């Protein structure tokens, strides 16, 4: 029954008549029912639209940005928002709107790269720790020790040893957020490894790496995907925090954190220098968190019933 519903959904999605496919046609028996639940959530839908808008602005920044973000024009310094400069100019005459768009590229690059790296290493560590009891205690005590430090302090300590650079920010934040992924995957592995189908795979002599990849890791994907959305949000806010404190991306690079840090010095004279990039940072992180909440509700059957 589920297979026929799924084929029906796919057939409807590929139909040349766009009006023939509706979310209401996706039934609870379909494997794509979570998409319907996600898109029926107003907060998740609006968050997804905003995230798509920010991604489009970042990807098309060279085309959309009206000015070069590094062009210095002292004659127009500290100009307020106007038709020529939508977000005003900074103390060097640079267009704040153009710099905010280019700053989105750095923030998204850091957030997505940190998510991918921490998800990969965290998954490997969590699978090994949860599946092999003899190394579980050692590995998880190391993870607990890393999580004992406040994330921003650990990131600052790593950046102090590596130096200010975008690559080093990615490395530092990946180290910071790997333990949280590892604990999540380990918990799911501890539950899944005792299920009947895993025991059956062991009894027929299937190798451990195949069991981990095919049966255990695949059952950890739903909570892992949700956690990854939060890691992107945390990484973006952490990158901005490091840049604001002067321990992140070099000051001459256009990032939201650097722009807020530059703007707070002249906040009373030129409020737009900090307000506009700060608002973009706030709304982006909020949208990612709301989207993650909606994704969790759509993928977790227990949260659907609450």
C-alpha atoms as a PDB file:
ATOM      1  CA  UNK A   1       0.000   0.000   0.000  1.00  0.00           C
ATOM      2  CA  UNK A   2       2.794   2.419   0.920  1.00  0.00           C
ATOM      3  CA  UNK A   3       4.685   1.540  -2.267  1.00  0.00           C
ATOM      4  CA  UNK A   4       1.673   2.297  -4.445  1.00  0.00           C
ATOM      5  CA  UNK A   5       1.081   5.592  -2.646  1.00  0.00           C
ATOM      6  CA  UNK A   6       4.707   6.553  -3.148  1.00  0.00           C
ATOM      7  CA  UNK A   7       4.558   5.761  -6.844  1.00  0.00           C
ATOM      8  CA  UNK A   8       1.398   7.810  -7.071  1.00  0.00           C
ATOM      9  CA  UNK A   9       3.094  10.751  -5.372  1.00  0.00           C
ATOM     10  CA  UNK A  10       6.078  10.571  -7.703  1.00  0.00           C
ATOM     11  CA  UNK A  11       3.850  10.286 -10.716  1.00  0.00           C
ATOM     12  CA  UNK A  12       1.913  13.329  -9.600  1.00  0.00           C
ATOM     13  CA  UNK A  13       5.110  15.307  -9.017  1.00  0.00           C
ATOM     14  CA  UNK A  14       6.369  14.531 -12.532  1.00  0.00           C
ATOM     15  CA  UNK A  15       3.052  15.281 -14.245  1.00  0.00           C
ATOM     16  CA  UNK A  16       3.168  18.038 -16.859  1.00  0.00           C
ATOM     17  CA  UNK A  17       0.053  19.570 -15.256  1.00  0.00           C
ATOM     18  CA  UNK A  18       1.301  21.623 -12.295  1.00  0.00           C
ATOM     19  CA  UNK A  19      -2.148  21.832 -10.692  1.00  0.00           C
ATOM     20  CA  UNK A  20      -2.530  18.051 -10.489  1.00  0.00           C
ATOM     21  CA  UNK A  21      -0.055  17.804  -7.583  1.00  0.00           C
ATOM     22  CA  UNK A  22      -1.144  18.999  -4.173  1.00  0.00           C
ATOM     23  CA  UNK A  23       0.248  18.537  -0.692  1.00  0.00           C
ATOM     24  CA  UNK A  24      -3.068  17.059   0.389  1.00  0.00           C
ATOM     25  CA  UNK A  25      -2.454  14.144  -1.992  1.00  0.00           C
ATOM     26  CA  UNK A  26       0.504  13.006   0.138  1.00  0.00           C
ATOM     27  CA  UNK A  27      -1.011  10.613   2.655  1.00  0.00           C
ATOM     28  CA  UNK A  28       0.498   9.507   6.019  1.00  0.00           C
ATOM     29  CA  UNK A  29       1.413   6.193   4.370  1.00  0.00           C
ATOM     30  CA  UNK A  30       3.720   7.979   1.916  1.00  0.00           C
ATOM     31  CA  UNK A  31       7.446   8.223   2.533  1.00  0.00           C
ATOM     32  CA  UNK A  32       7.208  11.920   1.629  1.00  0.00           C
ATOM     33  CA  UNK A  33       4.608  12.739   4.267  1.00  0.00           C
ATOM     34  CA  UNK A  34       7.217  14.641   6.282  1.00  0.00           C
ATOM     35  CA  UNK A  35       7.522  17.141   3.412  1.00  0.00           C
ATOM     36  CA  UNK A  36       3.794  17.856   3.660  1.00  0.00           C
ATOM     37  CA  UNK A  37       4.071  18.322   7.432  1.00  0.00           C
ATOM     38  CA  UNK A  38       7.053  20.642   7.014  1.00  0.00           C
ATOM     39  CA  UNK A  39       5.430  22.828   4.363  1.00  0.00           C
ATOM     40  CA  UNK A  40       2.164  23.017   6.301  1.00  0.00           C
ATOM     41  CA  UNK A  41       4.055  24.598   9.213  1.00  0.00           C
ATOM     42  CA  UNK A  42       3.775  28.396   8.656  1.00  0.00           C
ATOM     43  CA  UNK A  43       6.905  29.237  10.655  1.00  0.00           C
ATOM     44  CA  UNK A  44       8.992  26.605   8.865  1.00  0.00           C
ATOM     45  CA  UNK A  45       7.661  27.707   5.474  1.00  0.00           C
ATOM     46  CA  UNK A  46       8.463  31.384   6.062  1.00  0.00           C
ATOM     47  CA  UNK A  47      11.872  30.466   7.465  1.00  0.00           C
ATOM     48  CA  UNK A  48      12.642  28.365   4.406  1.00  0.00           C
ATOM     49  CA  UNK A  49      11.686  31.243   2.102  1.00  0.00           C
ATOM     50  CA  UNK A  50      13.925  33.647   4.000  1.00  0.00           C
ATOM     51  CA  UNK A  51      16.848  31.195   4.005  1.00  0.00           C
ATOM     52  CA  UNK A  52      16.405  30.725   0.252  1.00  0.00           C
ATOM     53  CA  UNK A  53      16.431  34.517  -0.171  1.00  0.00           C
ATOM     54  CA  UNK A  54      19.666  34.899   1.818  1.00  0.00           C
ATOM     55  CA  UNK A  55      21.289  32.062  -0.149  1.00  0.00           C
ATOM     56  CA  UNK A  56      20.241  33.690  -3.429  1.00  0.00           C
ATOM     57  CA  UNK A  57      21.615  37.076  -2.331  1.00  0.00           C
ATOM     58  CA  UNK A  58      24.904  35.502  -1.286  1.00  0.00           C
ATOM     59  CA  UNK A  59      25.242  33.462  -4.474  1.00  0.00           C
ATOM     60  CA  UNK A  60      24.410  36.441  -6.718  1.00  0.00           C
ATOM     61  CA  UNK A  61      26.289  39.038  -4.676  1.00  0.00           C
ATOM     62  CA  UNK A  62      28.593  40.118  -7.556  1.00  0.00           C
ATOM     63  CA  UNK A  63      25.485  40.790  -9.665  1.00  0.00           C
ATOM     64  CA  UNK A  64      23.144  42.243  -7.035  1.00  0.00           C
ATOM     65  CA  UNK A  65      25.571  44.378  -5.028  1.00  0.00           C
ATOM     66  CA  UNK A  66      25.412  47.951  -6.391  1.00  0.00           C
ATOM     67  CA  UNK A  67      28.982  48.789  -5.280  1.00  0.00           C
ATOM     68  CA  UNK A  68      32.274  47.103  -4.674  1.00  0.00           C
ATOM     69  CA  UNK A  69      32.273  46.182  -0.960  1.00  0.00           C
ATOM     70  CA  UNK A  70      35.919  47.225  -0.585  1.00  0.00           C
ATOM     71  CA  UNK A  71      35.692  50.500  -2.528  1.00  0.00           C
ATOM     72  CA  UNK A  72      36.625  53.433  -0.269  1.00  0.00           C
ATOM     73  CA  UNK A  73      34.897  56.746  -0.979  1.00  0.00           C
ATOM     74  CA  UNK A  74      35.715  59.274   1.780  1.00  0.00           C
ATOM     75  CA  UNK A  75      33.455  61.882   0.207  1.00  0.00           C
ATOM     76  CA  UNK A  76      30.371  59.775   1.085  1.00  0.00           C
ATOM     77  CA  UNK A  77      31.457  58.571   4.523  1.00  0.00           C
ATOM     78  CA  UNK A  78      28.741  58.032   7.161  1.00  0.00           C
ATOM     79  CA  UNK A  79      25.903  58.710   4.750  1.00  0.00           C
ATOM     80  CA  UNK A  80      22.528  57.590   6.105  1.00  0.00           C
ATOM     81  CA  UNK A  81      20.154  55.224   4.284  1.00  0.00           C
ATOM     82  CA  UNK A  82      19.052  56.753   0.989  1.00  0.00           C
ATOM     83  CA  UNK A  83      18.114  55.883  -2.574  1.00  0.00           C
ATOM     84  CA  UNK A  84      21.790  55.673  -3.552  1.00  0.00           C
ATOM     85  CA  UNK A  85      22.873  53.798  -0.438  1.00  0.00           C
ATOM     86  CA  UNK A  86      20.052  51.613   0.871  1.00  0.00           C
ATOM     87  CA  UNK A  87      21.843  50.735   4.132  1.00  0.00           C
ATOM     88  CA  UNK A  88      24.001  53.864   4.251  1.00  0.00           C
ATOM     89  CA  UNK A  89      27.801  53.992   4.210  1.00  0.00           C
ATOM     90  CA  UNK A  90      30.451  53.332   6.834  1.00  0.00           C
ATOM     91  CA  UNK A  91      33.249  55.544   8.130  1.00  0.00           C
ATOM     92  CA  UNK A  92      35.295  54.861   4.986  1.00  0.00           C
ATOM     93  CA  UNK A  93      32.461  55.528   2.551  1.00  0.00           C
ATOM     94  CA  UNK A  94      31.871  51.864   1.728  1.00  0.00           C
ATOM     95  CA  UNK A  95      28.320  50.763   0.885  1.00  0.00           C
ATOM     96  CA  UNK A  96      26.852  48.866   3.866  1.00  0.00           C
ATOM     97  CA  UNK A  97      24.289  47.005   1.736  1.00  0.00           C
ATOM     98  CA  UNK A  98      26.957  45.603  -0.569  1.00  0.00           C
ATOM     99  CA  UNK A  99      29.122  44.609   2.374  1.00  0.00           C
ATOM    100  CA  UNK A 100      26.139  42.948   4.114  1.00  0.00           C
ATOM    101  CA  UNK A 101      25.440  40.834   1.033  1.00  0.00           C
ATOM    102  CA  UNK A 102      29.069  39.765   0.763  1.00  0.00           C
ATOM    103  CA  UNK A 103      29.081  39.135   4.501  1.00  0.00           C
ATOM    104  CA  UNK A 104      26.286  36.622   3.983  1.00  0.00           C
ATOM    105  CA  UNK A 105      28.641  34.618   1.768  1.00  0.00           C
ATOM    106  CA  UNK A 106      31.196  34.282   4.566  1.00  0.00           C
ATOM    107  CA  UNK A 107      28.557  33.414   7.157  1.00  0.00           C
ATOM    108  CA  UNK A 108      26.899  30.769   4.999  1.00  0.00           C
ATOM    109  CA  UNK A 109      30.251  29.356   3.929  1.00  0.00           C
ATOM    110  CA  UNK A 110      31.379  29.001   7.530  1.00  0.00           C
ATOM    111  CA  UNK A 111      28.028  27.620   8.702  1.00  0.00           C
ATOM    112  CA  UNK A 112      27.653  24.988   5.984  1.00  0.00           C
ATOM    113  CA  UNK A 113      31.300  23.907   6.030  1.00  0.00           C
ATOM    114  CA  UNK A 114      31.352  23.576   9.812  1.00  0.00           C
ATOM    115  CA  UNK A 115      28.138  21.552   9.645  1.00  0.00           C
ATOM    116  CA  UNK A 116      29.559  19.147   7.043  1.00  0.00           C
ATOM    117  CA  UNK A 117      32.877  18.635   8.824  1.00  0.00           C
ATOM    118  CA  UNK A 118      31.409  18.265  12.308  1.00  0.00           C
ATOM    119  CA  UNK A 119      28.654  15.960  11.022  1.00  0.00           C
ATOM    120  CA  UNK A 120      31.206  13.699   9.329  1.00  0.00           C
ATOM    121  CA  UNK A 121      33.675  13.387  12.194  1.00  0.00           C
ATOM    122  CA  UNK A 122      30.962  13.450  14.847  1.00  0.00           C
ATOM    123  CA  UNK A 123      29.117  10.624  13.091  1.00  0.00           C
ATOM    124  CA  UNK A 124      32.238   8.482  12.846  1.00  0.00           C
ATOM    125  CA  UNK A 125      33.151   9.071  16.484  1.00  0.00           C
ATOM    126  CA  UNK A 126      29.584   8.453  17.669  1.00  0.00           C
ATOM    127  CA  UNK A 127      29.211   5.234  15.662  1.00  0.00           C
ATOM    128  CA  UNK A 128      32.511   3.809  16.902  1.00  0.00           C
ATOM    129  CA  UNK A 129      31.862   4.791  20.518  1.00  0.00           C
ATOM    130  CA  UNK A 130      28.317   3.457  20.541  1.00  0.00           C
ATOM    131  CA  UNK A 131      29.085   0.181  18.762  1.00  0.00           C
ATOM    132  CA  UNK A 132      32.318  -0.839  20.509  1.00  0.00           C
ATOM    133  CA  UNK A 133      32.091  -0.875  24.300  1.00  0.00           C
ATOM    134  CA  UNK A 134      35.852  -1.161  24.796  1.00  0.00           C
ATOM    135  CA  UNK A 135      36.509   2.316  23.392  1.00  0.00           C
ATOM    136  CA  UNK A 136      33.252   3.971  24.412  1.00  0.00           C
ATOM    137  CA  UNK A 137      34.388   5.273  27.797  1.00  0.00           C
ATOM    138  CA  UNK A 138      37.685   6.690  26.517  1.00  0.00           C
ATOM    139  CA  UNK A 139      36.184   8.439  23.507  1.00  0.00           C
ATOM    140  CA  UNK A 140      33.215   9.913  25.319  1.00  0.00           C
ATOM    141  CA  UNK A 141      35.294  11.206  28.219  1.00  0.00           C
ATOM    142  CA  UNK A 142      37.349  13.146  25.686  1.00  0.00           C
ATOM    143  CA  UNK A 143      34.124  14.500  24.164  1.00  0.00           C
ATOM    144  CA  UNK A 144      32.839  15.420  27.630  1.00  0.00           C
ATOM    145  CA  UNK A 145      36.077  17.240  28.364  1.00  0.00           C
ATOM    146  CA  UNK A 146      35.708  19.293  25.179  1.00  0.00           C
ATOM    147  CA  UNK A 147      32.099  20.130  25.982  1.00  0.00           C
ATOM    148  CA  UNK A 148      33.044  21.200  29.503  1.00  0.00           C
ATOM    149  CA  UNK A 149      34.521  24.392  28.036  1.00  0.00           C
ATOM    150  CA  UNK A 150      32.099  27.118  26.882  1.00  0.00           C
ATOM    151  CA  UNK A 151      32.005  26.884  23.103  1.00  0.00           C
ATOM    152  CA  UNK A 152      33.050  30.473  22.452  1.00  0.00           C
ATOM    153  CA  UNK A 153      36.000  30.248  24.871  1.00  0.00           C
ATOM    154  CA  UNK A 154      37.204  27.019  23.276  1.00  0.00           C
ATOM    155  CA  UNK A 155      36.897  28.596  19.836  1.00  0.00           C
ATOM    156  CA  UNK A 156      38.857  31.671  20.972  1.00  0.00           C
ATOM    157  CA  UNK A 157      41.586  29.458  22.433  1.00  0.00           C
ATOM    158  CA  UNK A 158      41.892  27.516  19.169  1.00  0.00           C
ATOM    159  CA  UNK A 159      41.901  30.725  17.116  1.00  0.00           C
ATOM    160  CA  UNK A 160      44.619  32.174  19.334  1.00  0.00           C
ATOM    161  CA  UNK A 161      46.879  29.301  18.336  1.00  0.00           C
ATOM    162  CA  UNK A 162      45.890  29.160  14.650  1.00  0.00           C
ATOM    163  CA  UNK A 163      45.635  32.855  13.801  1.00  0.00           C
ATOM    164  CA  UNK A 164      42.847  34.950  12.212  1.00  0.00           C
ATOM    165  CA  UNK A 165      41.667  33.438   8.928  1.00  0.00           C
ATOM    166  CA  UNK A 166      38.422  32.091   7.518  1.00  0.00           C
ATOM    167  CA  UNK A 167      39.941  28.614   7.218  1.00  0.00           C
ATOM    168  CA  UNK A 168      40.996  28.666  10.852  1.00  0.00           C
ATOM    169  CA  UNK A 169      37.520  29.788  11.960  1.00  0.00           C
ATOM    170  CA  UNK A 170      36.071  26.754  10.182  1.00  0.00           C
ATOM    171  CA  UNK A 171      38.599  24.446  11.845  1.00  0.00           C
ATOM    172  CA  UNK A 172      37.992  25.904  15.297  1.00  0.00           C
ATOM    173  CA  UNK A 173      34.202  25.763  15.088  1.00  0.00           C
ATOM    174  CA  UNK A 174      34.282  22.247  13.621  1.00  0.00           C
ATOM    175  CA  UNK A 175      36.244  21.090  16.657  1.00  0.00           C
ATOM    176  CA  UNK A 176      33.786  22.868  18.953  1.00  0.00           C
ATOM    177  CA  UNK A 177      30.614  21.328  17.479  1.00  0.00           C
ATOM    178  CA  UNK A 178      31.861  17.803  16.737  1.00  0.00           C
ATOM    179  CA  UNK A 179      31.233  16.522  20.313  1.00  0.00           C
ATOM    180  CA  UNK A 180      27.517  17.411  20.192  1.00  0.00           C
ATOM    181  CA  UNK A 181      27.095  15.447  16.952  1.00  0.00           C
ATOM    182  CA  UNK A 182      29.101  12.552  18.397  1.00  0.00           C
ATOM    183  CA  UNK A 183      26.885  12.333  21.492  1.00  0.00           C
ATOM    184  CA  UNK A 184      23.734  12.372  19.376  1.00  0.00           C
ATOM    185  CA  UNK A 185      24.923   9.610  17.033  1.00  0.00           C
ATOM    186  CA  UNK A 186      26.283   7.559  19.928  1.00  0.00           C
ATOM    187  CA  UNK A 187      22.922   7.653  21.723  1.00  0.00           C
ATOM    188  CA  UNK A 188      21.107   6.520  18.596  1.00  0.00           C
ATOM    189  CA  UNK A 189      23.709   3.791  18.028  1.00  0.00           C
ATOM    190  CA  UNK A 190      23.319   2.425  21.559  1.00  0.00           C
ATOM    191  CA  UNK A 191      19.581   1.992  20.956  1.00  0.00           C
ATOM    192  CA  UNK A 192      19.740   0.663  17.406  1.00  0.00           C
ATOM    193  CA  UNK A 193      22.520  -1.895  17.888  1.00  0.00           C
ATOM    194  CA  UNK A 194      20.286  -3.979  20.208  1.00  0.00           C
ATOM    195  CA  UNK A 195      17.417  -4.269  17.745  1.00  0.00           C
ATOM    196  CA  UNK A 196      16.553  -7.634  16.193  1.00  0.00           C
ATOM    197  CA  UNK A 197      17.588  -6.871  12.628  1.00  0.00           C
ATOM    198  CA  UNK A 198      21.052  -5.755  13.767  1.00  0.00           C
ATOM    199  CA  UNK A 199      21.476  -8.945  15.767  1.00  0.00           C
ATOM    200  CA  UNK A 200      20.371 -10.929  12.719  1.00  0.00           C
ATOM    201  CA  UNK A 201      22.962  -9.162  10.561  1.00  0.00           C
ATOM    202  CA  UNK A 202      25.650 -10.073  13.098  1.00  0.00           C
ATOM    203  CA  UNK A 203      24.519 -13.712  13.201  1.00  0.00           C
ATOM    204  CA  UNK A 204      24.937 -14.170   9.453  1.00  0.00           C
ATOM    205  CA  UNK A 205      28.478 -12.798   9.612  1.00  0.00           C
ATOM    206  CA  UNK A 206      27.960  -9.327   8.117  1.00  0.00           C
ATOM    207  CA  UNK A 207      30.946  -7.073   8.674  1.00  0.00           C
ATOM    208  CA  UNK A 208      30.758  -4.323  11.231  1.00  0.00           C
ATOM    209  CA  UNK A 209      31.259  -1.461   8.785  1.00  0.00           C
ATOM    210  CA  UNK A 210      28.354  -2.692   6.677  1.00  0.00           C
ATOM    211  CA  UNK A 211      26.102  -2.966   9.729  1.00  0.00           C
ATOM    212  CA  UNK A 212      27.090   0.510  10.839  1.00  0.00           C
ATOM    213  CA  UNK A 213      26.514   2.050   7.429  1.00  0.00           C
ATOM    214  CA  UNK A 214      23.370   0.224   6.303  1.00  0.00           C
ATOM    215  CA  UNK A 215      21.381  -0.290   9.484  1.00  0.00           C
ATOM    216  CA  UNK A 216      22.618   1.836  12.359  1.00  0.00           C
ATOM    217  CA  UNK A 217      23.673   5.071  10.674  1.00  0.00           C
ATOM    218  CA  UNK A 218      20.618   5.207   8.420  1.00  0.00           C
ATOM    219  CA  UNK A 219      18.380   5.116  11.498  1.00  0.00           C
ATOM    220  CA  UNK A 220      20.289   8.062  12.957  1.00  0.00           C
ATOM    221  CA  UNK A 221      19.757  10.329   9.962  1.00  0.00           C
ATOM    222  CA  UNK A 222      16.500  11.960  11.070  1.00  0.00           C
ATOM    223  CA  UNK A 223      17.790  13.406  14.382  1.00  0.00           C
ATOM    224  CA  UNK A 224      21.159  14.103  12.747  1.00  0.00           C
ATOM    225  CA  UNK A 225      19.606  16.192   9.972  1.00  0.00           C
ATOM    226  CA  UNK A 226      17.682  18.232  12.535  1.00  0.00           C
ATOM    227  CA  UNK A 227      20.805  18.760  14.639  1.00  0.00           C
ATOM    228  CA  UNK A 228      22.740  19.864  11.558  1.00  0.00           C
ATOM    229  CA  UNK A 229      20.330  22.754  10.989  1.00  0.00           C
ATOM    230  CA  UNK A 230      21.045  23.988  14.509  1.00  0.00           C
ATOM    231  CA  UNK A 231      24.796  23.550  13.991  1.00  0.00           C
ATOM    232  CA  UNK A 232      24.614  25.862  10.966  1.00  0.00           C
ATOM    233  CA  UNK A 233      22.846  28.499  13.073  1.00  0.00           C
ATOM    234  CA  UNK A 234      25.276  28.117  15.984  1.00  0.00           C
ATOM    235  CA  UNK A 235      28.275  28.270  13.653  1.00  0.00           C
ATOM    236  CA  UNK A 236      27.024  31.486  12.023  1.00  0.00           C
ATOM    237  CA  UNK A 237      26.470  33.201  15.369  1.00  0.00           C
ATOM    238  CA  UNK A 238      29.819  31.908  16.674  1.00  0.00           C
ATOM    239  CA  UNK A 239      31.658  33.206  13.601  1.00  0.00           C
ATOM    240  CA  UNK A 240      30.046  36.603  14.097  1.00  0.00           C
ATOM    241  CA  UNK A 241      30.984  36.537  17.786  1.00  0.00           C
ATOM    242  CA  UNK A 242      34.604  35.697  16.999  1.00  0.00           C
ATOM    243  CA  UNK A 243      34.756  38.467  14.379  1.00  0.00           C
ATOM    244  CA  UNK A 244      33.174  40.935  16.805  1.00  0.00           C
ATOM    245  CA  UNK A 245      35.816  40.079  19.420  1.00  0.00           C
ATOM    246  CA  UNK A 246      38.612  40.411  16.847  1.00  0.00           C
ATOM    247  CA  UNK A 247      39.518  36.721  16.989  1.00  0.00           C
ATOM    248  CA  UNK A 248      37.860  35.524  13.803  1.00  0.00           C
ATOM    249  CA  UNK A 249      37.950  36.531  10.157  1.00  0.00           C
ATOM    250  CA  UNK A 250      40.448  39.362   9.416  1.00  0.00           C
ATOM    251  CA  UNK A 251      38.916  42.818  10.065  1.00  0.00           C
ATOM    252  CA  UNK A 252      39.204  43.940   6.431  1.00  0.00           C
ATOM    253  CA  UNK A 253      36.911  41.093   5.298  1.00  0.00           C
ATOM    254  CA  UNK A 254      33.216  41.966   5.005  1.00  0.00           C
ATOM    255  CA  UNK A 255      31.391  39.803   7.555  1.00  0.00           C
ATOM    256  CA  UNK A 256      28.373  40.528   9.717  1.00  0.00           C
ATOM    257  CA  UNK A 257      30.448  40.262  12.880  1.00  0.00           C
ATOM    258  CA  UNK A 258      33.113  42.659  11.611  1.00  0.00           C
ATOM    259  CA  UNK A 259      30.449  45.129  10.469  1.00  0.00           C
ATOM    260  CA  UNK A 260      28.712  45.092  13.861  1.00  0.00           C
ATOM    261  CA  UNK A 261      32.072  45.516  15.586  1.00  0.00           C
ATOM    262  CA  UNK A 262      32.923  48.515  13.402  1.00  0.00           C
ATOM    263  CA  UNK A 263      29.475  50.001  13.848  1.00  0.00           C
ATOM    264  CA  UNK A 264      29.358  49.824  17.631  1.00  0.00           C
ATOM    265  CA  UNK A 265      32.139  52.430  17.858  1.00  0.00           C
ATOM    266  CA  UNK A 266      29.967  55.080  16.170  1.00  0.00           C
ATOM    267  CA  UNK A 267      26.574  53.707  17.157  1.00  0.00           C
ATOM    268  CA  UNK A 268      25.212  57.046  18.358  1.00  0.00           C
ATOM    269  CA  UNK A 269      26.266  58.895  15.204  1.00  0.00           C
ATOM    270  CA  UNK A 270      25.614  56.173  12.593  1.00  0.00           C
ATOM    271  CA  UNK A 271      23.182  53.549  13.928  1.00  0.00           C
ATOM    272  CA  UNK A 272      22.788  51.898  10.517  1.00  0.00           C
ATOM    273  CA  UNK A 273      26.338  50.509  10.567  1.00  0.00           C
ATOM    274  CA  UNK A 274      25.455  47.985  13.269  1.00  0.00           C
ATOM    275  CA  UNK A 275      21.668  47.728  13.000  1.00  0.00           C
ATOM    276  CA  UNK A 276      21.376  46.448   9.423  1.00  0.00           C
ATOM    277  CA  UNK A 277      24.037  43.679   9.526  1.00  0.00           C
ATOM    278  CA  UNK A 278      22.987  42.814  13.072  1.00  0.00           C
ATOM    279  CA  UNK A 279      19.372  42.453  11.953  1.00  0.00           C
ATOM    280  CA  UNK A 280      20.374  40.197   9.055  1.00  0.00           C
ATOM    281  CA  UNK A 281      22.409  38.062  11.444  1.00  0.00           C
ATOM    282  CA  UNK A 282      19.557  37.854  13.959  1.00  0.00           C
ATOM    283  CA  UNK A 283      16.842  37.012  11.419  1.00  0.00           C
ATOM    284  CA  UNK A 284      19.023  34.414   9.648  1.00  0.00           C
ATOM    285  CA  UNK A 285      19.835  32.570  12.869  1.00  0.00           C
ATOM    286  CA  UNK A 286      16.185  32.781  13.955  1.00  0.00           C
ATOM    287  CA  UNK A 287      15.016  31.396  10.604  1.00  0.00           C
ATOM    288  CA  UNK A 288      17.452  28.481  10.818  1.00  0.00           C
ATOM    289  CA  UNK A 289      16.265  27.634  14.322  1.00  0.00           C
ATOM    290  CA  UNK A 290      12.585  27.827  13.352  1.00  0.00           C
ATOM    291  CA  UNK A 291      13.244  25.688  10.294  1.00  0.00           C
ATOM    292  CA  UNK A 292      15.068  23.155  12.467  1.00  0.00           C
ATOM    293  CA  UNK A 293      12.107  23.040  14.863  1.00  0.00           C
ATOM    294  CA  UNK A 294       9.714  22.460  11.974  1.00  0.00           C
ATOM    295  CA  UNK A 295      11.952  19.780  10.521  1.00  0.00           C
ATOM    296  CA  UNK A 296      12.121  18.028  13.898  1.00  0.00           C
ATOM    297  CA  UNK A 297       8.326  18.062  14.199  1.00  0.00           C
ATOM    298  CA  UNK A 298       7.972  16.676  10.673  1.00  0.00           C
ATOM    299  CA  UNK A 299      10.537  13.880  11.053  1.00  0.00           C
ATOM    300  CA  UNK A 300       9.805  12.827  14.654  1.00  0.00           C
ATOM    301  CA  UNK A 301       6.520  10.864  14.926  1.00  0.00           C
ATOM    302  CA  UNK A 302       6.408  11.473  18.685  1.00  0.00           C
ATOM    303  CA  UNK A 303       6.377  15.245  18.264  1.00  0.00           C
ATOM    304  CA  UNK A 304       3.544  14.998  15.722  1.00  0.00           C
ATOM    305  CA  UNK A 305       1.219  13.566  18.352  1.00  0.00           C
ATOM    306  CA  UNK A 306       1.941  16.262  20.960  1.00  0.00           C
END
